C-alpha atoms as a PDB file:
ATOM      1  CA  MET A   1     108.965 102.321  95.463  1.00  0.00           C
ATOM      2  CA  GLN A   2     109.195 106.091  95.675  1.00  0.00           C
ATOM      3  CA  TYR A   3     111.005 108.368  98.077  1.00  0.00           C
ATOM      4  CA  ARG A   4     110.785 112.083  98.628  1.00  0.00           C
ATOM      5  CA  VAL A   5     114.254 113.638  98.847  1.00  0.00           C
ATOM      6  CA  THR A   6     114.053 115.970 101.836  1.00  0.00           C
ATOM      7  CA  ASN A   7     115.949 117.336 104.817  1.00  0.00           C
ATOM      8  CA  ARG A   8     115.253 117.996 108.495  1.00  0.00           C
ATOM      9  CA  GLY A   9     113.650 121.290 107.506  1.00  0.00           C
ATOM     10  CA  GLY A  10     111.103 119.417 105.388  1.00  0.00           C
ATOM     11  CA  LEU A  11     112.222 120.959 102.097  1.00  0.00           C
ATOM     12  CA  ASP A  12     111.294 119.049  98.947  1.00  0.00           C
ATOM     13  CA  PHE A  13     114.378 118.520  96.788  1.00  0.00           C
ATOM     14  CA  GLY A  14     113.018 115.839  94.495  1.00  0.00           C
ATOM     15  CA  LEU A  15     111.606 112.395  93.928  1.00  0.00           C
ATOM     16  CA  LEU A  16     113.616 109.169  93.813  1.00  0.00           C
ATOM     17  CA  SER A  17     111.886 106.172  92.242  1.00  0.00           C
ATOM     18  CA  LEU A  18     112.808 102.529  91.898  1.00  0.00           C
ATOM     19  CA  ASP A  19     111.261 100.436  89.145  1.00  0.00           C
ATOM     20  CA  GLU A  20     111.176  97.176  91.057  1.00  0.00           C
ATOM     21  CA  GLN A  21     110.752  95.028  87.940  1.00  0.00           C
ATOM     22  CA  SER A  22     113.813  96.365  86.131  1.00  0.00           C
ATOM     23  CA  GLY A  23     115.753  97.432  89.237  1.00  0.00           C
ATOM     24  CA  THR A  24     116.431 100.870  87.759  1.00  0.00           C
ATOM     25  CA  TRP A  25     116.461 104.089  89.737  1.00  0.00           C
ATOM     26  CA  SER A  26     115.320 107.505  88.538  1.00  0.00           C
ATOM     27  CA  LEU A  27     115.730 110.829  90.282  1.00  0.00           C
ATOM     28  CA  ARG A  28     113.770 113.950  89.425  1.00  0.00           C
ATOM     29  CA  ILE A  29     114.945 117.177  91.043  1.00  0.00           C
ATOM     30  CA  ASN A  30     112.271 119.608  92.172  1.00  0.00           C
ATOM     31  CA  PRO A  31     112.045 122.372  89.528  1.00  0.00           C
ATOM     32  CA  GLU A  32     111.702 124.980  92.284  1.00  0.00           C
ATOM     33  CA  CYS A  33     115.190 124.206  93.635  1.00  0.00           C
ATOM     34  CA  ASN A  34     118.114 126.320  92.560  1.00  0.00           C
ATOM     35  CA  TRP A  35     121.754 125.388  92.802  1.00  0.00           C
ATOM     36  CA  GLU A  36     122.534 128.003  95.435  1.00  0.00           C
ATOM     37  CA  ASN A  37     120.225 126.560  98.097  1.00  0.00           C
ATOM     38  CA  THR A  38     120.444 122.873  97.210  1.00  0.00           C
ATOM     39  CA  PRO A  39     122.925 120.356  98.658  1.00  0.00           C
ATOM     40  CA  LEU A  40     125.920 119.756  96.416  1.00  0.00           C
ATOM     41  CA  SER A  41     124.940 116.180  95.520  1.00  0.00           C
ATOM     42  CA  LEU A  42     121.963 117.641  93.612  1.00  0.00           C
ATOM     43  CA  ALA A  43     123.236 121.155  92.880  1.00  0.00           C
ATOM     44  CA  ILE A  44     125.865 119.844  90.456  1.00  0.00           C
ATOM     45  CA  TYR A  45     123.057 118.537  88.246  1.00  0.00           C
ATOM     46  CA  ILE A  46     121.010 121.726  88.512  1.00  0.00           C
ATOM     47  CA  LYS A  47     124.064 123.807  87.567  1.00  0.00           C
ATOM     48  CA  SER A  48     124.434 121.581  84.469  1.00  0.00           C
ATOM     49  CA  GLY A  49     120.764 122.068  83.550  1.00  0.00           C
ATOM     50  CA  ILE A  50     119.809 118.501  84.495  1.00  0.00           C
ATOM     51  CA  ARG A  51     116.582 118.019  86.426  1.00  0.00           C
ATOM     52  CA  GLU A  52     115.887 114.394  85.515  1.00  0.00           C
ATOM     53  CA  LEU A  53     118.808 112.065  86.065  1.00  0.00           C
ATOM     54  CA  ASN A  54     119.148 109.065  83.780  1.00  0.00           C
ATOM     55  CA  ALA A  55     119.299 105.541  85.211  1.00  0.00           C
ATOM     56  CA  GLN A  56     123.104 105.522  85.538  1.00  0.00           C
ATOM     57  CA  GLN A  57     123.236 108.971  87.163  1.00  0.00           C
ATOM     58  CA  SER A  58     120.435 108.004  89.540  1.00  0.00           C
ATOM     59  CA  LEU A  59     122.162 104.749  90.522  1.00  0.00           C
ATOM     60  CA  SER A  60     125.393 106.641  91.101  1.00  0.00           C
ATOM     61  CA  TRP A  61     123.552 109.152  93.315  1.00  0.00           C
ATOM     62  CA  VAL A  62     121.984 106.295  95.306  1.00  0.00           C
ATOM     63  CA  ARG A  63     125.331 104.519  95.703  1.00  0.00           C
ATOM     64  CA  ASP A  64     126.956 107.730  96.930  1.00  0.00           C
ATOM     65  CA  ARG A  65     124.505 107.631  99.835  1.00  0.00           C
ATOM     66  CA  LEU A  66     125.387 104.062 100.847  1.00  0.00           C
ATOM     67  CA  LEU A  67     128.352 102.146 102.162  1.00  0.00           C
ATOM     68  CA  PRO A  68     130.325 100.760  99.231  1.00  0.00           C
ATOM     69  CA  PRO A  69     129.841  97.050  98.518  1.00  0.00           C
ATOM     70  CA  ASN A  70     133.593  96.445  98.784  1.00  0.00           C
ATOM     71  CA  ARG A  71     133.890  98.073 102.223  1.00  0.00           C
ATOM     72  CA  GLN A  72     135.960  96.072 104.646  1.00  0.00           C
ATOM     73  CA  ASN A  73     133.725  93.907 106.852  1.00  0.00           C
ATOM     74  CA  ILE A  74     130.574  94.831 104.898  1.00  0.00           C
ATOM     75  CA  TYR A  75     129.258  91.393 105.857  1.00  0.00           C
ATOM     76  CA  TYR A  76     128.898  92.534 109.464  1.00  0.00           C
ATOM     77  CA  VAL A  77     126.940  95.612 108.450  1.00  0.00           C
ATOM     78  CA  LEU A  78     124.640  93.573 106.207  1.00  0.00           C
ATOM     79  CA  ASN A  79     124.220  90.946 108.923  1.00  0.00           C
ATOM     80  CA  GLY A  80     123.278  93.676 111.411  1.00  0.00           C
ATOM     81  CA  LEU A  81     120.552  94.805 109.004  1.00  0.00           C
ATOM     82  CA  ASP A  82     119.360  91.203 108.439  1.00  0.00           C
ATOM     83  CA  LEU A  83     120.441  91.335 104.790  1.00  0.00           C
ATOM     84  CA  GLU A  84     121.971  88.312 103.098  1.00  0.00           C
ATOM     85  CA  GLN A  85     123.617  90.293 100.298  1.00  0.00           C
ATOM     86  CA  TYR A  86     124.361  93.832  99.198  1.00  0.00           C
ATOM     87  CA  ASP A  87     121.203  95.353  97.736  1.00  0.00           C
ATOM     88  CA  GLU A  88     120.859  99.102  97.158  1.00  0.00           C
ATOM     89  CA  ALA A  89     117.066  99.050  97.504  1.00  0.00           C
ATOM     90  CA  ALA A  90     117.167  97.165 100.811  1.00  0.00           C
ATOM     91  CA  LEU A  91     119.925  99.405 102.152  1.00  0.00           C
ATOM     92  CA  ILE A  92     118.006 102.545 101.188  1.00  0.00           C
ATOM     93  CA  ALA A  93     114.933 101.140 102.929  1.00  0.00           C
ATOM     94  CA  HIS A  94     116.988 100.547 106.097  1.00  0.00           C
ATOM     95  CA  THR A  95     119.133 103.683 106.120  1.00  0.00           C
ATOM     96  CA  ARG A  96     116.787 106.121 104.374  1.00  0.00           C
ATOM     97  CA  GLY A  97     119.793 107.282 102.402  1.00  0.00           C
ATOM     98  CA  VAL A  98     121.278 109.247 105.272  1.00  0.00           C
ATOM     99  CA  SER A  99     124.806 110.365 104.403  1.00  0.00           C
ATOM    100  CA  PRO A 100     127.438 112.237 106.413  1.00  0.00           C
ATOM    101  CA  ASN A 101     127.968 114.517 103.398  1.00  0.00           C
ATOM    102  CA  ASP A 102     124.702 116.480 103.658  1.00  0.00           C
ATOM    103  CA  ASP A 103     121.440 116.668 105.587  1.00  0.00           C
ATOM    104  CA  LEU A 104     119.298 114.906 102.976  1.00  0.00           C
ATOM    105  CA  TYR A 105     117.338 111.764 103.648  1.00  0.00           C
ATOM    106  CA  LEU A 106     114.726 109.744 101.800  1.00  0.00           C
ATOM    107  CA  GLU A 107     111.160 109.683 103.041  1.00  0.00           C
ATOM    108  CA  PRO A 108     109.156 106.723 101.695  1.00  0.00           C
ATOM    109  CA  ILE A 109     105.992 107.676  99.840  1.00  0.00           C
ATOM    110  CA  THR A 110     103.155 105.338 100.638  1.00  0.00           C
ATOM    111  CA  SER A 111      99.982 105.348  98.633  1.00  0.00           C
END
């Protein structure tokens, strides 16, 4: 599955991919973005010269956009989304990665 990292203005900040067989995430930041006009969650990588996050960095970025698995009463949230267990991919599909920390969201890419 692939998602375009965007905002309400339609800007293209990057591409988030999930390798469904291995369960690993990868995030590639748009080379045209600069750290001054990019949300902080991505700008910190740009400032460090990183445009392609490794699997661990990508997973961390995804998890920062979701409720934590140890959140009190997470069961009720999962139940409300018809999920039997905590699953980053399923949560991203449901929430589109919307976070209160910035205006980014994930737009599914369908081929």
